[in-house]
């Protein structure tokens, strides 16, 4: 079993982090990297949903998330323009950790932090698209597969093994 590394900490991302976010996603998502401007737009649209993982000042992971419409994941590498007024879920766009950071507990920690943030913002659902065989990790974080033919067609741009998943959150006081 891998020992959890408590030296890693999540901090809010800012525009100066986009270069390292881009570099990490090129390693983690080598077959579907997104452009710098797309990553920056996600960060600027919802800075409170974007974090980087640091250890000794070195960034080794990131998460980009924002409100969005359930069961309508945005295509990858396409600017959003704006957060839809009808957004009804917190969408976890991307979580990527460098290989040496996996198993540190950082993924579970940020998943819990984002779920609480979403709940406090009034959202009852966190949604994501699992890629690169990460479905088991997300199931361990309380997410369930919610697929149908229409979603399968929307996920073609995400590559093989893409699965839409959701996690219901308890309401305030639950």
C-alpha atoms as a PDB file:
ATOM      1  CA  UNK A   1       0.000   0.000   0.000  1.00  0.00           C
ATOM      2  CA  UNK A   2       1.263   3.468  -0.854  1.00  0.00           C
ATOM      3  CA  UNK A   3       1.836   5.789   2.075  1.00  0.00           C
ATOM      4  CA  UNK A   4      -0.162   9.008   1.837  1.00  0.00           C
ATOM      5  CA  UNK A   5       2.094  12.033   1.365  1.00  0.00           C
ATOM      6  CA  UNK A   6       0.919  14.864   3.571  1.00  0.00           C
ATOM      7  CA  UNK A   7       3.447  17.288   2.034  1.00  0.00           C
ATOM      8  CA  UNK A   8       1.175  17.682  -1.002  1.00  0.00           C
ATOM      9  CA  UNK A   9      -1.314  20.518  -0.730  1.00  0.00           C
ATOM     10  CA  UNK A  10      -3.990  21.867  -3.034  1.00  0.00           C
ATOM     11  CA  UNK A  11      -4.013  25.616  -3.560  1.00  0.00           C
ATOM     12  CA  UNK A  12      -6.169  27.832  -5.797  1.00  0.00           C
ATOM     13  CA  UNK A  13      -4.868  27.973  -9.367  1.00  0.00           C
ATOM     14  CA  UNK A  14      -4.239  31.267 -11.113  1.00  0.00           C
ATOM     15  CA  UNK A  15      -3.490  32.359 -14.657  1.00  0.00           C
ATOM     16  CA  UNK A  16       0.272  31.982 -14.073  1.00  0.00           C
ATOM     17  CA  UNK A  17      -0.294  28.220 -13.573  1.00  0.00           C
ATOM     18  CA  UNK A  18      -1.680  27.605 -17.068  1.00  0.00           C
ATOM     19  CA  UNK A  19       1.732  26.676 -18.511  1.00  0.00           C
ATOM     20  CA  UNK A  20       2.350  23.928 -15.952  1.00  0.00           C
ATOM     21  CA  UNK A  21      -1.294  22.790 -16.196  1.00  0.00           C
ATOM     22  CA  UNK A  22      -0.797  22.462 -19.952  1.00  0.00           C
ATOM     23  CA  UNK A  23       2.422  20.488 -19.456  1.00  0.00           C
ATOM     24  CA  UNK A  24       0.799  18.084 -16.971  1.00  0.00           C
ATOM     25  CA  UNK A  25      -2.222  17.500 -19.185  1.00  0.00           C
ATOM     26  CA  UNK A  26       0.074  16.721 -22.126  1.00  0.00           C
ATOM     27  CA  UNK A  27       1.507  13.894 -20.001  1.00  0.00           C
ATOM     28  CA  UNK A  28      -1.803  12.713 -18.518  1.00  0.00           C
ATOM     29  CA  UNK A  29      -3.927  13.193 -21.636  1.00  0.00           C
ATOM     30  CA  UNK A  30      -1.347  12.863 -24.402  1.00  0.00           C
ATOM     31  CA  UNK A  31      -3.934  11.771 -26.976  1.00  0.00           C
ATOM     32  CA  UNK A  32      -6.408  14.610 -26.261  1.00  0.00           C
ATOM     33  CA  UNK A  33      -4.560  17.697 -25.027  1.00  0.00           C
ATOM     34  CA  UNK A  34      -6.440  20.962 -24.856  1.00  0.00           C
ATOM     35  CA  UNK A  35      -5.026  24.295 -26.013  1.00  0.00           C
ATOM     36  CA  UNK A  36      -3.602  26.838 -23.532  1.00  0.00           C
ATOM     37  CA  UNK A  37      -6.451  29.267 -24.256  1.00  0.00           C
ATOM     38  CA  UNK A  38      -9.097  26.613 -23.530  1.00  0.00           C
ATOM     39  CA  UNK A  39      -7.473  25.750 -20.202  1.00  0.00           C
ATOM     40  CA  UNK A  40      -7.115  29.425 -19.295  1.00  0.00           C
ATOM     41  CA  UNK A  41     -10.756  30.108 -20.140  1.00  0.00           C
ATOM     42  CA  UNK A  42     -11.912  27.314 -17.791  1.00  0.00           C
ATOM     43  CA  UNK A  43      -9.793  28.819 -15.019  1.00  0.00           C
ATOM     44  CA  UNK A  44     -11.039  32.363 -15.619  1.00  0.00           C
ATOM     45  CA  UNK A  45     -14.706  31.322 -15.856  1.00  0.00           C
ATOM     46  CA  UNK A  46     -14.633  29.612 -12.472  1.00  0.00           C
ATOM     47  CA  UNK A  47     -11.464  30.306 -10.493  1.00  0.00           C
ATOM     48  CA  UNK A  48     -13.064  28.919  -7.317  1.00  0.00           C
ATOM     49  CA  UNK A  49     -13.223  25.496  -9.022  1.00  0.00           C
ATOM     50  CA  UNK A  50      -9.583  25.338 -10.139  1.00  0.00           C
ATOM     51  CA  UNK A  51      -6.664  24.137  -8.022  1.00  0.00           C
ATOM     52  CA  UNK A  52      -3.090  22.955  -8.429  1.00  0.00           C
ATOM     53  CA  UNK A  53      -1.317  20.377  -6.293  1.00  0.00           C
ATOM     54  CA  UNK A  54       2.017  21.488  -4.868  1.00  0.00           C
ATOM     55  CA  UNK A  55       4.788  19.798  -2.963  1.00  0.00           C
ATOM     56  CA  UNK A  56       7.712  22.021  -2.024  1.00  0.00           C
ATOM     57  CA  UNK A  57       6.636  24.659  -4.551  1.00  0.00           C
ATOM     58  CA  UNK A  58       6.555  22.145  -7.423  1.00  0.00           C
ATOM     59  CA  UNK A  59       3.183  21.661  -9.141  1.00  0.00           C
ATOM     60  CA  UNK A  60       2.405  17.998  -9.758  1.00  0.00           C
ATOM     61  CA  UNK A  61      -1.320  18.040 -10.495  1.00  0.00           C
ATOM     62  CA  UNK A  62      -4.356  20.174 -11.164  1.00  0.00           C
ATOM     63  CA  UNK A  63      -8.124  20.153 -11.250  1.00  0.00           C
ATOM     64  CA  UNK A  64     -10.410  22.330 -13.384  1.00  0.00           C
ATOM     65  CA  UNK A  65     -14.118  22.413 -12.527  1.00  0.00           C
ATOM     66  CA  UNK A  66     -17.120  24.662 -13.040  1.00  0.00           C
ATOM     67  CA  UNK A  67     -20.919  24.700 -13.006  1.00  0.00           C
ATOM     68  CA  UNK A  68     -22.512  23.097 -16.073  1.00  0.00           C
ATOM     69  CA  UNK A  69     -25.638  21.361 -17.333  1.00  0.00           C
ATOM     70  CA  UNK A  70     -26.194  17.747 -16.257  1.00  0.00           C
ATOM     71  CA  UNK A  71     -25.852  15.053 -18.910  1.00  0.00           C
ATOM     72  CA  UNK A  72     -24.446  17.586 -21.414  1.00  0.00           C
ATOM     73  CA  UNK A  73     -20.661  17.446 -20.982  1.00  0.00           C
ATOM     74  CA  UNK A  74     -18.867  20.089 -23.017  1.00  0.00           C
ATOM     75  CA  UNK A  75     -16.630  18.842 -25.829  1.00  0.00           C
ATOM     76  CA  UNK A  76     -12.926  18.852 -25.050  1.00  0.00           C
ATOM     77  CA  UNK A  77     -10.625  21.529 -26.453  1.00  0.00           C
ATOM     78  CA  UNK A  78     -13.531  23.887 -27.199  1.00  0.00           C
ATOM     79  CA  UNK A  79     -14.032  27.224 -25.412  1.00  0.00           C
ATOM     80  CA  UNK A  80     -17.167  27.376 -23.252  1.00  0.00           C
ATOM     81  CA  UNK A  81     -17.908  31.080 -23.754  1.00  0.00           C
ATOM     82  CA  UNK A  82     -19.780  31.335 -20.446  1.00  0.00           C
ATOM     83  CA  UNK A  83     -21.220  29.262 -17.646  1.00  0.00           C
ATOM     84  CA  UNK A  84     -24.815  28.469 -18.712  1.00  0.00           C
ATOM     85  CA  UNK A  85     -27.527  30.198 -16.692  1.00  0.00           C
ATOM     86  CA  UNK A  86     -29.304  26.819 -16.500  1.00  0.00           C
ATOM     87  CA  UNK A  87     -26.279  25.076 -14.945  1.00  0.00           C
ATOM     88  CA  UNK A  88     -27.579  22.451 -12.542  1.00  0.00           C
ATOM     89  CA  UNK A  89     -24.444  20.482 -11.638  1.00  0.00           C
ATOM     90  CA  UNK A  90     -20.840  21.054 -10.677  1.00  0.00           C
ATOM     91  CA  UNK A  91     -18.775  19.655 -13.547  1.00  0.00           C
ATOM     92  CA  UNK A  92     -15.324  18.282 -12.814  1.00  0.00           C
ATOM     93  CA  UNK A  93     -13.711  18.989 -16.179  1.00  0.00           C
ATOM     94  CA  UNK A  94     -10.302  17.505 -15.484  1.00  0.00           C
ATOM     95  CA  UNK A  95      -8.217  16.085 -12.682  1.00  0.00           C
ATOM     96  CA  UNK A  96      -4.658  15.179 -13.647  1.00  0.00           C
ATOM     97  CA  UNK A  97      -1.788  14.063 -11.457  1.00  0.00           C
ATOM     98  CA  UNK A  98       1.755  13.334 -12.528  1.00  0.00           C
ATOM     99  CA  UNK A  99       2.575   9.621 -12.226  1.00  0.00           C
ATOM    100  CA  UNK A 100       4.724  10.073  -9.089  1.00  0.00           C
ATOM    101  CA  UNK A 101       1.810  11.754  -7.300  1.00  0.00           C
ATOM    102  CA  UNK A 102      -0.763   9.030  -7.943  1.00  0.00           C
ATOM    103  CA  UNK A 103      -1.555   7.033  -4.833  1.00  0.00           C
ATOM    104  CA  UNK A 104      -0.773   9.990  -2.559  1.00  0.00           C
ATOM    105  CA  UNK A 105      -4.420  10.538  -1.599  1.00  0.00           C
ATOM    106  CA  UNK A 106      -4.452  13.886  -3.421  1.00  0.00           C
ATOM    107  CA  UNK A 107      -7.172  12.803  -5.873  1.00  0.00           C
ATOM    108  CA  UNK A 108      -9.541  11.730  -3.115  1.00  0.00           C
ATOM    109  CA  UNK A 109      -8.816  14.909  -1.152  1.00  0.00           C
ATOM    110  CA  UNK A 110      -9.665  17.246  -4.038  1.00  0.00           C
ATOM    111  CA  UNK A 111     -12.719  15.189  -4.966  1.00  0.00           C
ATOM    112  CA  UNK A 112     -14.078  15.665  -1.439  1.00  0.00           C
ATOM    113  CA  UNK A 113     -13.174  19.372  -1.421  1.00  0.00           C
ATOM    114  CA  UNK A 114     -14.986  19.979  -4.719  1.00  0.00           C
ATOM    115  CA  UNK A 115     -18.040  18.012  -3.585  1.00  0.00           C
ATOM    116  CA  UNK A 116     -18.316  20.170  -0.474  1.00  0.00           C
ATOM    117  CA  UNK A 117     -17.775  23.349  -2.484  1.00  0.00           C
ATOM    118  CA  UNK A 118     -20.493  22.303  -4.942  1.00  0.00           C
ATOM    119  CA  UNK A 119     -22.900  21.465  -2.119  1.00  0.00           C
ATOM    120  CA  UNK A 120     -22.300  24.812  -0.421  1.00  0.00           C
ATOM    121  CA  UNK A 121     -22.901  26.578  -3.757  1.00  0.00           C
ATOM    122  CA  UNK A 122     -26.311  24.897  -3.923  1.00  0.00           C
ATOM    123  CA  UNK A 123     -25.583  22.102  -6.402  1.00  0.00           C
ATOM    124  CA  UNK A 124     -26.916  18.627  -5.654  1.00  0.00           C
ATOM    125  CA  UNK A 125     -24.838  16.826  -8.302  1.00  0.00           C
ATOM    126  CA  UNK A 126     -21.185  16.637  -9.321  1.00  0.00           C
ATOM    127  CA  UNK A 127     -20.643  15.277 -12.841  1.00  0.00           C
ATOM    128  CA  UNK A 128     -17.594  14.239 -14.862  1.00  0.00           C
ATOM    129  CA  UNK A 129     -16.393  12.195 -17.792  1.00  0.00           C
ATOM    130  CA  UNK A 130     -14.089   9.394 -16.728  1.00  0.00           C
ATOM    131  CA  UNK A 131     -11.243   8.822 -19.205  1.00  0.00           C
ATOM    132  CA  UNK A 132      -8.082   6.731 -19.418  1.00  0.00           C
ATOM    133  CA  UNK A 133      -9.494   3.880 -17.348  1.00  0.00           C
ATOM    134  CA  UNK A 134     -10.201   6.050 -14.274  1.00  0.00           C
ATOM    135  CA  UNK A 135     -13.772   4.765 -13.743  1.00  0.00           C
ATOM    136  CA  UNK A 136     -12.777   2.623 -10.737  1.00  0.00           C
ATOM    137  CA  UNK A 137     -11.148   5.594  -9.006  1.00  0.00           C
ATOM    138  CA  UNK A 138     -14.277   7.709  -9.491  1.00  0.00           C
ATOM    139  CA  UNK A 139     -16.553   4.919  -8.302  1.00  0.00           C
ATOM    140  CA  UNK A 140     -14.441   4.888  -5.132  1.00  0.00           C
ATOM    141  CA  UNK A 141     -15.254   8.592  -4.745  1.00  0.00           C
ATOM    142  CA  UNK A 142     -19.008   7.927  -4.866  1.00  0.00           C
ATOM    143  CA  UNK A 143     -19.642   8.469  -8.587  1.00  0.00           C
ATOM    144  CA  UNK A 144     -21.913   6.187 -10.633  1.00  0.00           C
ATOM    145  CA  UNK A 145     -22.070   5.616 -14.381  1.00  0.00           C
ATOM    146  CA  UNK A 146     -25.009   7.383 -16.080  1.00  0.00           C
ATOM    147  CA  UNK A 147     -24.756   6.428 -19.750  1.00  0.00           C
ATOM    148  CA  UNK A 148     -27.182   6.222 -22.652  1.00  0.00           C
ATOM    149  CA  UNK A 149     -26.829   6.337 -26.443  1.00  0.00           C
ATOM    150  CA  UNK A 150     -27.063  10.144 -26.625  1.00  0.00           C
ATOM    151  CA  UNK A 151     -24.277  10.554 -24.063  1.00  0.00           C
ATOM    152  CA  UNK A 152     -22.145   7.928 -25.797  1.00  0.00           C
ATOM    153  CA  UNK A 153     -22.330   9.993 -29.002  1.00  0.00           C
ATOM    154  CA  UNK A 154     -21.348  13.186 -27.128  1.00  0.00           C
ATOM    155  CA  UNK A 155     -18.359  11.424 -25.584  1.00  0.00           C
ATOM    156  CA  UNK A 156     -16.787  10.290 -28.859  1.00  0.00           C
ATOM    157  CA  UNK A 157     -14.443  13.307 -28.759  1.00  0.00           C
ATOM    158  CA  UNK A 158     -13.098  12.082 -25.394  1.00  0.00           C
ATOM    159  CA  UNK A 159     -11.622   8.912 -26.874  1.00  0.00           C
ATOM    160  CA  UNK A 160     -12.070   5.266 -25.879  1.00  0.00           C
ATOM    161  CA  UNK A 161     -13.269   4.262 -22.410  1.00  0.00           C
ATOM    162  CA  UNK A 162     -14.967   7.635 -21.811  1.00  0.00           C
ATOM    163  CA  UNK A 163     -17.856   7.244 -19.364  1.00  0.00           C
ATOM    164  CA  UNK A 164     -20.190   9.933 -18.020  1.00  0.00           C
ATOM    165  CA  UNK A 165     -20.586   9.729 -14.237  1.00  0.00           C
ATOM    166  CA  UNK A 166     -22.476  11.598 -11.543  1.00  0.00           C
ATOM    167  CA  UNK A 167     -22.392  11.826  -7.769  1.00  0.00           C
ATOM    168  CA  UNK A 168     -25.421  13.018  -5.842  1.00  0.00           C
ATOM    169  CA  UNK A 169     -24.656  15.281  -2.906  1.00  0.00           C
ATOM    170  CA  UNK A 170     -26.578  15.594   0.327  1.00  0.00           C
ATOM    171  CA  UNK A 171     -28.447  18.849   0.796  1.00  0.00           C
ATOM    172  CA  UNK A 172     -27.635  21.299   3.554  1.00  0.00           C
ATOM    173  CA  UNK A 173     -28.370  19.813   6.909  1.00  0.00           C
ATOM    174  CA  UNK A 174     -28.555  16.257   5.479  1.00  0.00           C
END
